[in-house]
């Protein structure tokens, strides 16, 4: 997941992260990815922007980018 966020020009939604998941690796279930991203935000490994609504979904990126 960190590789995906590192190569992203801008923060991605969970759906976008799953869409660009590396071929050959099993995509995590959406709930699992949500937990991973929440944990990464808690640990300061990722940042979350957006209100988390339908029109402004959460987007995730790396800190300082």
C-alpha atoms as a PDB file:
ATOM      1  CA  UNK A   1       0.000   0.000   0.000  1.00  0.00           C
ATOM      2  CA  UNK A   2       2.828   2.394   0.822  1.00  0.00           C
ATOM      3  CA  UNK A   3       4.252   1.869  -2.673  1.00  0.00           C
ATOM      4  CA  UNK A   4       0.911   2.845  -4.212  1.00  0.00           C
ATOM      5  CA  UNK A   5       0.700   6.004  -2.105  1.00  0.00           C
ATOM      6  CA  UNK A   6       4.348   6.862  -2.809  1.00  0.00           C
ATOM      7  CA  UNK A   7       3.744   6.794  -6.569  1.00  0.00           C
ATOM      8  CA  UNK A   8       0.496   8.762  -6.395  1.00  0.00           C
ATOM      9  CA  UNK A   9       0.620  12.365  -7.578  1.00  0.00           C
ATOM     10  CA  UNK A  10      -2.292  13.171  -5.252  1.00  0.00           C
ATOM     11  CA  UNK A  11      -4.130  11.401  -2.418  1.00  0.00           C
ATOM     12  CA  UNK A  12      -6.274   8.416  -3.481  1.00  0.00           C
ATOM     13  CA  UNK A  13      -9.625   7.117  -2.280  1.00  0.00           C
ATOM     14  CA  UNK A  14      -9.840   3.519  -1.053  1.00  0.00           C
ATOM     15  CA  UNK A  15     -11.503   2.589  -4.332  1.00  0.00           C
ATOM     16  CA  UNK A  16      -8.678   4.172  -6.335  1.00  0.00           C
ATOM     17  CA  UNK A  17      -6.053   2.393  -4.217  1.00  0.00           C
ATOM     18  CA  UNK A  18      -7.704  -0.966  -4.923  1.00  0.00           C
ATOM     19  CA  UNK A  19      -7.945  -0.086  -8.637  1.00  0.00           C
ATOM     20  CA  UNK A  20      -4.183   0.401  -8.941  1.00  0.00           C
ATOM     21  CA  UNK A  21      -3.253  -2.540  -6.680  1.00  0.00           C
ATOM     22  CA  UNK A  22      -0.182  -4.287  -8.158  1.00  0.00           C
ATOM     23  CA  UNK A  23      -1.002  -7.192 -10.466  1.00  0.00           C
ATOM     24  CA  UNK A  24      -0.063 -10.548  -9.048  1.00  0.00           C
ATOM     25  CA  UNK A  25      -0.887  -9.507  -5.479  1.00  0.00           C
ATOM     26  CA  UNK A  26      -4.239 -10.365  -3.952  1.00  0.00           C
ATOM     27  CA  UNK A  27      -6.301  -7.242  -3.402  1.00  0.00           C
ATOM     28  CA  UNK A  28      -7.440  -6.849   0.181  1.00  0.00           C
ATOM     29  CA  UNK A  29     -11.151  -6.773   0.916  1.00  0.00           C
ATOM     30  CA  UNK A  30     -12.437  -3.200   1.120  1.00  0.00           C
ATOM     31  CA  UNK A  31     -12.974  -3.501   4.878  1.00  0.00           C
ATOM     32  CA  UNK A  32      -9.432  -4.774   5.382  1.00  0.00           C
ATOM     33  CA  UNK A  33      -7.999  -1.927   3.338  1.00  0.00           C
ATOM     34  CA  UNK A  34     -10.075   0.524   5.391  1.00  0.00           C
ATOM     35  CA  UNK A  35      -8.610  -0.892   8.616  1.00  0.00           C
ATOM     36  CA  UNK A  36      -5.065  -0.775   7.230  1.00  0.00           C
ATOM     37  CA  UNK A  37      -5.491   2.843   6.158  1.00  0.00           C
ATOM     38  CA  UNK A  38      -7.030   3.863   9.488  1.00  0.00           C
ATOM     39  CA  UNK A  39      -4.126   2.234  11.316  1.00  0.00           C
ATOM     40  CA  UNK A  40      -1.576   3.912   9.017  1.00  0.00           C
ATOM     41  CA  UNK A  41      -3.188   7.294   9.780  1.00  0.00           C
ATOM     42  CA  UNK A  42      -3.100   6.558  13.538  1.00  0.00           C
ATOM     43  CA  UNK A  43       0.608   5.697  13.316  1.00  0.00           C
ATOM     44  CA  UNK A  44       1.404   8.781  11.226  1.00  0.00           C
ATOM     45  CA  UNK A  45       2.400   6.683   8.204  1.00  0.00           C
ATOM     46  CA  UNK A  46      -0.389   8.148   6.066  1.00  0.00           C
ATOM     47  CA  UNK A  47      -2.594  11.219   6.044  1.00  0.00           C
ATOM     48  CA  UNK A  48      -6.328  11.393   5.433  1.00  0.00           C
ATOM     49  CA  UNK A  49      -8.050  14.350   3.792  1.00  0.00           C
ATOM     50  CA  UNK A  50     -11.698  14.875   2.890  1.00  0.00           C
ATOM     51  CA  UNK A  51     -14.872  14.869   4.930  1.00  0.00           C
ATOM     52  CA  UNK A  52     -15.660  11.207   4.351  1.00  0.00           C
ATOM     53  CA  UNK A  53     -18.933  11.979   2.594  1.00  0.00           C
ATOM     54  CA  UNK A  54     -20.218  10.842  -0.782  1.00  0.00           C
ATOM     55  CA  UNK A  55     -19.203  14.119  -2.432  1.00  0.00           C
ATOM     56  CA  UNK A  56     -15.956  14.497  -0.445  1.00  0.00           C
ATOM     57  CA  UNK A  57     -14.634  10.988   0.222  1.00  0.00           C
ATOM     58  CA  UNK A  58     -11.614  10.352   2.385  1.00  0.00           C
ATOM     59  CA  UNK A  59      -8.410  10.382   0.367  1.00  0.00           C
ATOM     60  CA  UNK A  60      -5.145   8.962   1.600  1.00  0.00           C
ATOM     61  CA  UNK A  61      -1.570   9.949   0.905  1.00  0.00           C
ATOM     62  CA  UNK A  62       1.835   9.993   2.502  1.00  0.00           C
ATOM     63  CA  UNK A  63       2.735  12.671   5.047  1.00  0.00           C
ATOM     64  CA  UNK A  64       4.556  15.676   3.661  1.00  0.00           C
ATOM     65  CA  UNK A  65       3.406  15.206   0.075  1.00  0.00           C
END
